[in-house]
PDB file of N, CA and C in Angstrom:
ATOM      1  N   MET A   1      98.849-294.428  23.072  1.00  0.00           N
ATOM      2  CA  MET A   1      98.100-293.204  22.859  1.00  0.00           C
ATOM      3  C   MET A   1      97.314-293.332  21.560  1.00  0.00           C
ATOM      4  N   THR A   2      96.052-293.012  21.641  1.00  0.00           N
ATOM      5  CA  THR A   2      95.223-293.098  20.446  1.00  0.00           C
ATOM      6  C   THR A   2      95.463-291.887  19.539  1.00  0.00           C
ATOM      7  N   ASN A   3      95.109-292.056  18.289  1.00  0.00           N
ATOM      8  CA  ASN A   3      95.245-290.967  17.328  1.00  0.00           C
ATOM      9  C   ASN A   3      94.383-289.774  17.741  1.00  0.00           C
ATOM     10  N   LYS A   4      93.180-290.046  18.232  1.00  0.00           N
ATOM     11  CA  LYS A   4      92.271-288.982  18.665  1.00  0.00           C
ATOM     12  C   LYS A   4      92.881-288.186  19.812  1.00  0.00           C
ATOM     13  N   LYS A   5      93.483-288.889  20.745  1.00  0.00           N
ATOM     14  CA  LYS A   5      94.103-288.230  21.889  1.00  0.00           C
ATOM     15  C   LYS A   5      95.282-287.360  21.446  1.00  0.00           C
ATOM     16  N   MET A   6      96.063-287.855  20.503  1.00  0.00           N
ATOM     17  CA  MET A   6      97.189-287.088  19.987  1.00  0.00           C
ATOM     18  C   MET A   6      96.722-285.837  19.254  1.00  0.00           C
ATOM     19  N   LEU A   7      95.656-285.961  18.452  1.00  0.00           N
ATOM     20  CA  LEU A   7      95.119-284.814  17.723  1.00  0.00           C
ATOM     21  C   LEU A   7      94.572-283.750  18.679  1.00  0.00           C
ATOM     22  N   ILE A   8      93.838-284.180  19.674  1.00  0.00           N
ATOM     23  CA  ILE A   8      93.269-283.234  20.640  1.00  0.00           C
ATOM     24  C   ILE A   8      94.386-282.561  21.436  1.00  0.00           C
ATOM     25  N   GLY A   9      95.372-283.332  21.843  1.00  0.00           N
ATOM     26  CA  GLY A   9      96.504-282.753  22.570  1.00  0.00           C
ATOM     27  C   GLY A   9      97.275-281.757  21.727  1.00  0.00           C
ATOM     28  N   SER A  10      97.478-282.069  20.463  1.00  0.00           N
ATOM     29  CA  SER A  10      98.189-281.154  19.561  1.00  0.00           C
ATOM     30  C   SER A  10      97.396-279.867  19.354  1.00  0.00           C
ATOM     31  N   LEU A  11      96.098-279.998  19.173  1.00  0.00           N
ATOM     32  CA  LEU A  11      95.253-278.823  19.005  1.00  0.00           C
ATOM     33  C   LEU A  11      95.278-277.972  20.272  1.00  0.00           C
ATOM     34  N   SER A  12      95.163-278.616  21.412  1.00  0.00           N
ATOM     35  CA  SER A  12      95.196-277.898  22.679  1.00  0.00           C
ATOM     36  C   SER A  12      96.504-277.120  22.845  1.00  0.00           C
ATOM     37  N   ASN A  13      97.619-277.761  22.551  1.00  0.00           N
ATOM     38  CA  ASN A  13      98.918-277.096  22.681  1.00  0.00           C
ATOM     39  C   ASN A  13      99.042-275.903  21.744  1.00  0.00           C
ATOM     40  N   ASP A  14      98.594-276.055  20.507  1.00  0.00           N
ATOM     41  CA  ASP A  14      98.698-274.951  19.556  1.00  0.00           C
ATOM     42  C   ASP A  14      97.793-273.784  19.942  1.00  0.00           C
ATOM     43  N   LEU A  15      96.602-274.077  20.432  1.00  0.00           N
ATOM     44  CA  LEU A  15      95.711-272.997  20.876  1.00  0.00           C
ATOM     45  C   LEU A  15      96.310-272.271  22.070  1.00  0.00           C
ATOM     46  N   TYR A  16      96.925-273.017  22.979  1.00  0.00           N
ATOM     47  CA  TYR A  16      97.599-272.395  24.119  1.00  0.00           C
ATOM     48  C   TYR A  16      98.746-271.504  23.635  1.00  0.00           C
ATOM     49  N   ARG A  17      99.499-271.975  22.656  1.00  0.00           N
ATOM     50  CA  ARG A  17     100.600-271.170  22.112  1.00  0.00           C
ATOM     51  C   ARG A  17     100.091-269.880  21.482  1.00  0.00           C
ATOM     52  N   VAL A  18      98.977-269.961  20.756  1.00  0.00           N
ATOM     53  CA  VAL A  18      98.389-268.763  20.149  1.00  0.00           C
ATOM     54  C   VAL A  18      98.076-267.733  21.238  1.00  0.00           C
ATOM     55  N   ALA A  19      97.403-268.175  22.293  1.00  0.00           N
ATOM     56  CA  ALA A  19      97.029-267.262  23.377  1.00  0.00           C
ATOM     57  C   ALA A  19      98.265-266.687  24.064  1.00  0.00           C
ATOM     58  N   ASN A  20      99.239-267.524  24.312  1.00  0.00           N
ATOM     59  CA  ASN A  20     100.455-267.087  24.990  1.00  0.00           C
ATOM     60  C   ASN A  20     101.235-266.081  24.143  1.00  0.00           C
ATOM     61  N   LEU A  21     101.361-266.361  22.871  1.00  0.00           N
ATOM     62  CA  LEU A  21     102.102-265.464  21.981  1.00  0.00           C
ATOM     63  C   LEU A  21     101.382-264.131  21.790  1.00  0.00           C
ATOM     64  N   MET A  22     100.069-264.157  21.710  1.00  0.00           N
ATOM     65  CA  MET A  22      99.322-262.900  21.607  1.00  0.00           C
ATOM     66  C   MET A  22      99.499-262.078  22.880  1.00  0.00           C
ATOM     67  N   GLY A  23      99.525-262.748  24.011  1.00  0.00           N
ATOM     68  CA  GLY A  23      99.734-262.051  25.279  1.00  0.00           C
ATOM     69  C   GLY A  23     101.098-261.386  25.350  1.00  0.00           C
ATOM     70  N   ARG A  24     102.074-261.950  24.665  1.00  0.00           N
ATOM     71  CA  ARG A  24     103.427-261.370  24.640  1.00  0.00           C
ATOM     72  C   ARG A  24     103.617-260.408  23.475  1.00  0.00           C
ATOM     73  N   GLY A  25     102.562-260.237  22.651  1.00  0.00           N
ATOM     74  CA  GLY A  25     102.633-259.281  21.561  1.00  0.00           C
ATOM     75  C   GLY A  25     103.264-259.790  20.287  1.00  0.00           C
ATOM     76  N   SER A  26     103.351-261.087  20.125  1.00  0.00           N
ATOM     77  CA  SER A  26     103.962-261.667  18.932  1.00  0.00           C
ATOM     78  C   SER A  26     102.873-262.138  17.967  1.00  0.00           C
ATOM     79  N   GLN A  27     102.320-261.194  17.237  1.00  0.00           N
ATOM     80  CA  GLN A  27     101.221-261.466  16.315  1.00  0.00           C
ATOM     81  C   GLN A  27     101.609-262.464  15.224  1.00  0.00           C
ATOM     82  N   LYS A  28     102.797-262.298  14.665  1.00  0.00           N
ATOM     83  CA  LYS A  28     103.221-263.165  13.559  1.00  0.00           C
ATOM     84  C   LYS A  28     103.318-264.626  14.001  1.00  0.00           C
ATOM     85  N   ALA A  29     103.932-264.871  15.144  1.00  0.00           N
ATOM     86  CA  ALA A  29     104.064-266.242  15.648  1.00  0.00           C
ATOM     87  C   ALA A  29     102.707-266.812  16.044  1.00  0.00           C
ATOM     88  N   ALA A  30     101.844-265.973  16.617  1.00  0.00           N
ATOM     89  CA  ALA A  30     100.506-266.431  16.998  1.00  0.00           C
ATOM     90  C   ALA A  30      99.716-266.857  15.764  1.00  0.00           C
ATOM     91  N   ASN A  31      99.835-266.090  14.693  1.00  0.00           N
ATOM     92  CA  ASN A  31      99.135-266.448  13.455  1.00  0.00           C
ATOM     93  C   ASN A  31      99.658-267.758  12.880  1.00  0.00           C
ATOM     94  N   ARG A  32     100.938-268.003  13.029  1.00  0.00           N
ATOM     95  CA  ARG A  32     101.538-269.253  12.545  1.00  0.00           C
ATOM     96  C   ARG A  32     100.940-270.456  13.280  1.00  0.00           C
ATOM     97  N   PHE A  33     100.846-270.370  14.611  1.00  0.00           N
ATOM     98  CA  PHE A  33     100.266-271.474  15.374  1.00  0.00           C
ATOM     99  C   PHE A  33      98.767-271.580  15.161  1.00  0.00           C
ATOM    100  N   TRP A  34      98.093-270.468  14.871  1.00  0.00           N
ATOM    101  CA  TRP A  34      96.669-270.521  14.529  1.00  0.00           C
ATOM    102  C   TRP A  34      96.485-271.333  13.255  1.00  0.00           C
ATOM    103  N   HIS A  35      97.355-271.102  12.287  1.00  0.00           N
ATOM    104  CA  HIS A  35      97.297-271.858  11.036  1.00  0.00           C
ATOM    105  C   HIS A  35      97.527-273.358  11.302  1.00  0.00           C
ATOM    106  N   GLU A  36      98.477-273.676  12.158  1.00  0.00           N
ATOM    107  CA  GLU A  36      98.742-275.079  12.506  1.00  0.00           C
ATOM    108  C   GLU A  36      97.552-275.701  13.236  1.00  0.00           C
ATOM    109  N   SER A  37      96.914-274.953  14.105  1.00  0.00           N
ATOM    110  CA  SER A  37      95.788-275.507  14.867  1.00  0.00           C
ATOM    111  C   SER A  37      94.612-275.841  13.953  1.00  0.00           C
ATOM    112  N   LYS A  38      94.471-275.092  12.858  1.00  0.00           N
ATOM    113  CA  LYS A  38      93.406-275.390  11.899  1.00  0.00           C
ATOM    114  C   LYS A  38      93.582-276.786  11.300  1.00  0.00           C
ATOM    115  N   ARG A  39      94.826-277.186  11.096  1.00  0.00           N
ATOM    116  CA  ARG A  39      95.090-278.524  10.549  1.00  0.00           C
ATOM    117  C   ARG A  39      94.558-279.594  11.496  1.00  0.00           C
ATOM    118  N   TRP A  40      94.817-279.427  12.791  1.00  0.00           N
ATOM    119  CA  TRP A  40      94.349-280.424  13.774  1.00  0.00           C
ATOM    120  C   TRP A  40      92.832-280.416  13.857  1.00  0.00           C
ATOM    121  N   SER A  41      92.237-279.231  13.860  1.00  0.00           N
ATOM    122  CA  SER A  41      90.777-279.166  14.008  1.00  0.00           C
ATOM    123  C   SER A  41      90.064-279.783  12.804  1.00  0.00           C
ATOM    124  N   LEU A  42      90.636-279.630  11.624  1.00  0.00           N
ATOM    125  CA  LEU A  42      90.034-280.258  10.441  1.00  0.00           C
ATOM    126  C   LEU A  42      90.099-281.786  10.532  1.00  0.00           C
ATOM    127  N   GLU A  43      91.215-282.301  11.022  1.00  0.00           N
ATOM    128  CA  GLU A  43      91.330-283.762  11.186  1.00  0.00           C
ATOM    129  C   GLU A  43      90.372-284.279  12.246  1.00  0.00           C
ATOM    130  N   LEU A  44      90.101-283.469  13.257  1.00  0.00           N
ATOM    131  CA  LEU A  44      89.210-283.899  14.340  1.00  0.00           C
ATOM    132  C   LEU A  44      87.736-283.814  13.967  1.00  0.00           C
ATOM    133  N   SER A  45      87.417-283.106  12.910  1.00  0.00           N
ATOM    134  CA  SER A  45      86.010-282.913  12.563  1.00  0.00           C
ATOM    135  C   SER A  45      85.302-284.222  12.210  1.00  0.00           C
ATOM    136  N   ASN A  46      86.041-285.261  11.871  1.00  0.00           N
ATOM    137  CA  ASN A  46      85.437-286.556  11.521  1.00  0.00           C
ATOM    138  C   ASN A  46      85.530-287.583  12.640  1.00  0.00           C
ATOM    139  N   GLN A  47      86.004-287.174  13.796  1.00  0.00           N
ATOM    140  CA  GLN A  47      86.170-288.096  14.918  1.00  0.00           C
ATOM    141  C   GLN A  47      84.892-288.172  15.757  1.00  0.00           C
ATOM    142  N   ASN A  48      84.738-289.263  16.470  1.00  0.00           N
ATOM    143  CA  ASN A  48      83.630-289.436  17.402  1.00  0.00           C
ATOM    144  C   ASN A  48      84.015-288.761  18.720  1.00  0.00           C
ATOM    145  N   LEU A  49      83.383-287.617  19.003  1.00  0.00           N
ATOM    146  CA  LEU A  49      83.720-286.817  20.176  1.00  0.00           C
ATOM    147  C   LEU A  49      82.453-286.443  20.937  1.00  0.00           C
ATOM    148  N   ASP A  50      82.620-286.042  22.188  1.00  0.00           N
ATOM    149  CA  ASP A  50      81.488-285.527  22.955  1.00  0.00           C
ATOM    150  C   ASP A  50      80.962-284.260  22.290  1.00  0.00           C
ATOM    151  N   SER A  51      79.707-283.957  22.548  1.00  0.00           N
ATOM    152  CA  SER A  51      79.056-282.845  21.830  1.00  0.00           C
ATOM    153  C   SER A  51      79.723-281.503  22.085  1.00  0.00           C
ATOM    154  N   TYR A  52      80.172-281.232  23.322  1.00  0.00           N
ATOM    155  CA  TYR A  52      80.789-279.932  23.579  1.00  0.00           C
ATOM    156  C   TYR A  52      82.146-279.811  22.897  1.00  0.00           C
ATOM    157  N   ILE A  53      82.826-280.914  22.688  1.00  0.00           N
ATOM    158  CA  ILE A  53      84.098-280.883  21.958  1.00  0.00           C
ATOM    159  C   ILE A  53      83.820-280.689  20.463  1.00  0.00           C
ATOM    160  N   LYS A  54      82.774-281.333  19.962  1.00  0.00           N
ATOM    161  CA  LYS A  54      82.378-281.113  18.569  1.00  0.00           C
ATOM    162  C   LYS A  54      82.037-279.650  18.317  1.00  0.00           C
ATOM    163  N   ASP A  55      81.378-279.013  19.295  1.00  0.00           N
ATOM    164  CA  ASP A  55      81.047-277.590  19.162  1.00  0.00           C
ATOM    165  C   ASP A  55      82.309-276.730  19.067  1.00  0.00           C
ATOM    166  N   ILE A  56      83.305-277.055  19.855  1.00  0.00           N
ATOM    167  CA  ILE A  56      84.581-276.330  19.804  1.00  0.00           C
ATOM    168  C   ILE A  56      85.230-276.514  18.438  1.00  0.00           C
ATOM    169  N   ILE A  57      85.248-277.750  17.953  1.00  0.00           N
ATOM    170  CA  ILE A  57      85.866-278.049  16.660  1.00  0.00           C
ATOM    171  C   ILE A  57      85.121-277.314  15.547  1.00  0.00           C
ATOM    172  N   ARG A  58      83.784-277.325  15.597  1.00  0.00           N
ATOM    173  CA  ARG A  58      82.996-276.603  14.585  1.00  0.00           C
ATOM    174  C   ARG A  58      83.290-275.109  14.606  1.00  0.00           C
ATOM    175  N   ASP A  59      83.403-274.547  15.792  1.00  0.00           N
ATOM    176  CA  ASP A  59      83.690-273.121  15.917  1.00  0.00           C
ATOM    177  C   ASP A  59      85.067-272.789  15.337  1.00  0.00           C
ATOM    178  N   LEU A  60      86.040-273.620  15.629  1.00  0.00           N
ATOM    179  CA  LEU A  60      87.390-273.394  15.100  1.00  0.00           C
ATOM    180  C   LEU A  60      87.418-273.533  13.580  1.00  0.00           C
ATOM    181  N   ASN A  61      86.734-274.535  13.055  1.00  0.00           N
ATOM    182  CA  ASN A  61      86.719-274.746  11.605  1.00  0.00           C
ATOM    183  C   ASN A  61      85.944-273.653  10.869  1.00  0.00           C
ATOM    184  N   ALA A  62      84.960-273.063  11.516  1.00  0.00           N
ATOM    185  CA  ALA A  62      84.172-272.006  10.882  1.00  0.00           C
ATOM    186  C   ALA A  62      84.911-270.669  10.855  1.00  0.00           C
ATOM    187  N   ASP A  63      85.931-270.528  11.688  1.00  0.00           N
ATOM    188  CA  ASP A  63      86.687-269.272  11.772  1.00  0.00           C
ATOM    189  C   ASP A  63      87.713-269.227  10.647  1.00  0.00           C
ATOM    190  N   ASN A  64      87.467-268.375   9.674  1.00  0.00           N
ATOM    191  CA  ASN A  64      88.360-268.282   8.520  1.00  0.00           C
ATOM    192  C   ASN A  64      89.301-267.088   8.576  1.00  0.00           C
ATOM    193  N   ASP A  65      89.312-266.377   9.695  1.00  0.00           N
ATOM    194  CA  ASP A  65      90.221-265.241   9.816  1.00  0.00           C
ATOM    195  C   ASP A  65      91.666-265.713   9.827  1.00  0.00           C
ATOM    196  N   VAL A  66      92.500-264.972   9.141  1.00  0.00           N
ATOM    197  CA  VAL A  66      93.928-265.309   9.081  1.00  0.00           C
ATOM    198  C   VAL A  66      94.664-264.699  10.271  1.00  0.00           C
ATOM    199  N   VAL A  67      94.176-263.561  10.737  1.00  0.00           N
ATOM    200  CA  VAL A  67      94.831-262.836  11.825  1.00  0.00           C
ATOM    201  C   VAL A  67      94.061-263.070  13.119  1.00  0.00           C
ATOM    202  N   VAL A  68      94.798-263.285  14.195  1.00  0.00           N
ATOM    203  CA  VAL A  68      94.211-263.553  15.502  1.00  0.00           C
ATOM    204  C   VAL A  68      94.080-262.239  16.271  1.00  0.00           C
ATOM    205  N   SER A  69      92.910-262.017  16.854  1.00  0.00           N
ATOM    206  CA  SER A  69      92.701-260.849  17.710  1.00  0.00           C
ATOM    207  C   SER A  69      92.924-261.250  19.171  1.00  0.00           C
ATOM    208  N   GLN A  70      93.000-260.257  20.033  1.00  0.00           N
ATOM    209  CA  GLN A  70      93.185-260.532  21.460  1.00  0.00           C
ATOM    210  C   GLN A  70      91.969-261.272  22.028  1.00  0.00           C
ATOM    211  N   ASP A  71      90.773-260.901  21.579  1.00  0.00           N
ATOM    212  CA  ASP A  71      89.558-261.584  22.048  1.00  0.00           C
ATOM    213  C   ASP A  71      89.565-263.054  21.649  1.00  0.00           C
ATOM    214  N   LYS A  72      89.973-263.323  20.427  1.00  0.00           N
ATOM    215  CA  LYS A  72      90.050-264.719  19.978  1.00  0.00           C
ATOM    216  C   LYS A  72      91.109-265.477  20.758  1.00  0.00           C
ATOM    217  N   ALA A  73      92.208-264.830  21.052  1.00  0.00           N
ATOM    218  CA  ALA A  73      93.276-265.490  21.811  1.00  0.00           C
ATOM    219  C   ALA A  73      92.763-265.928  23.179  1.00  0.00           C
ATOM    220  N   GLU A  74      91.946-265.104  23.796  1.00  0.00           N
ATOM    221  CA  GLU A  74      91.376-265.468  25.097  1.00  0.00           C
ATOM    222  C   GLU A  74      90.428-266.658  24.965  1.00  0.00           C
ATOM    223  N   LYS A  75      89.645-266.665  23.891  1.00  0.00           N
ATOM    224  CA  LYS A  75      88.750-267.805  23.639  1.00  0.00           C
ATOM    225  C   LYS A  75      89.574-269.057  23.380  1.00  0.00           C
ATOM    226  N   PHE A  76      90.650-268.926  22.635  1.00  0.00           N
ATOM    227  CA  PHE A  76      91.505-270.076  22.330  1.00  0.00           C
ATOM    228  C   PHE A  76      92.159-270.634  23.587  1.00  0.00           C
ATOM    229  N   LEU A  77      92.489-269.767  24.525  1.00  0.00           N
ATOM    230  CA  LEU A  77      93.054-270.232  25.796  1.00  0.00           C
ATOM    231  C   LEU A  77      92.031-271.103  26.531  1.00  0.00           C
ATOM    232  N   MET A  78      90.780-270.652  26.550  1.00  0.00           N
ATOM    233  CA  MET A  78      89.722-271.435  27.188  1.00  0.00           C
ATOM    234  C   MET A  78      89.535-272.771  26.460  1.00  0.00           C
ATOM    235  N   TYR A  79      89.475-272.727  25.127  1.00  0.00           N
ATOM    236  CA  TYR A  79      89.329-273.946  24.348  1.00  0.00           C
ATOM    237  C   TYR A  79      90.500-274.901  24.600  1.00  0.00           C
ATOM    238  N   GLY A  80      91.697-274.365  24.635  1.00  0.00           N
ATOM    239  CA  GLY A  80      92.875-275.200  24.872  1.00  0.00           C
ATOM    240  C   GLY A  80      92.798-275.929  26.199  1.00  0.00           C
ATOM    241  N   THR A  81      92.334-275.231  27.222  1.00  0.00           N
ATOM    242  CA  THR A  81      92.190-275.840  28.544  1.00  0.00           C
ATOM    243  C   THR A  81      91.121-276.932  28.541  1.00  0.00           C
ATOM    244  N   LEU A  82      89.980-276.644  27.916  1.00  0.00           N
ATOM    245  CA  LEU A  82      88.913-277.649  27.833  1.00  0.00           C
ATOM    246  C   LEU A  82      89.377-278.889  27.066  1.00  0.00           C
ATOM    247  N   LEU A  83      90.072-278.678  25.966  1.00  0.00           N
ATOM    248  CA  LEU A  83      90.559-279.806  25.167  1.00  0.00           C
ATOM    249  C   LEU A  83      91.612-280.609  25.917  1.00  0.00           C
ATOM    250  N   GLN A  84      92.481-279.926  26.637  1.00  0.00           N
ATOM    251  CA  GLN A  84      93.508-280.630  27.413  1.00  0.00           C
ATOM    252  C   GLN A  84      92.865-281.505  28.479  1.00  0.00           C
ATOM    253  N   ASN A  85      91.889-280.957  29.198  1.00  0.00           N
ATOM    254  CA  ASN A  85      91.196-281.735  30.220  1.00  0.00           C
ATOM    255  C   ASN A  85      90.469-282.928  29.613  1.00  0.00           C
ATOM    256  N   TYR A  86      89.873-282.733  28.441  1.00  0.00           N
ATOM    257  CA  TYR A  86      89.161-283.820  27.763  1.00  0.00           C
ATOM    258  C   TYR A  86      90.142-284.917  27.356  1.00  0.00           C
ATOM    259  N   SER A  87      91.294-284.526  26.813  1.00  0.00           N
ATOM    260  CA  SER A  87      92.245-285.526  26.324  1.00  0.00           C
ATOM    261  C   SER A  87      92.825-286.378  27.441  1.00  0.00           C
ATOM    262  N   VAL A  88      92.910-285.841  28.640  1.00  0.00           N
ATOM    263  CA  VAL A  88      93.433-286.598  29.774  1.00  0.00           C
ATOM    264  C   VAL A  88      92.492-287.742  30.144  1.00  0.00           C
ATOM    265  N   ASN A  89      91.204-287.542  29.885  1.00  0.00           N
ATOM    266  CA  ASN A  89      90.210-288.511  30.338  1.00  0.00           C
ATOM    267  C   ASN A  89      89.676-289.438  29.270  1.00  0.00           C
ATOM    268  N   ILE A  90      90.257-289.414  28.060  1.00  0.00           N
ATOM    269  CA  ILE A  90      89.802-290.358  27.031  1.00  0.00           C
ATOM    270  C   ILE A  90      90.797-291.492  26.895  1.00  0.00           C
ATOM    271  N   ASP A  91      90.340-292.573  26.297  1.00  0.00           N
ATOM    272  CA  ASP A  91      91.199-293.747  26.127  1.00  0.00           C
ATOM    273  C   ASP A  91      92.190-293.539  25.018  1.00  0.00           C
TER     274      ASP A  91
END
């Protein structure tokens, strides 16, 4: 497994956790995983990625909110799915 694949998979999992926890009403836990996902997205910002994945990473890195809203959680669920599908198909 490449480092890039591991980073994308980790980011995807954390974004999925944020969405899932917000759906269950656990704001504190969702914020914790949001903070963790920022770590992965920052590491990915220097990787060679497809343009639509770079756009996702840029959007995540530009978001400086500490608290996750329900709308963001839904966006993160979509991002998590896109990243998971991308990671399955890279070397």
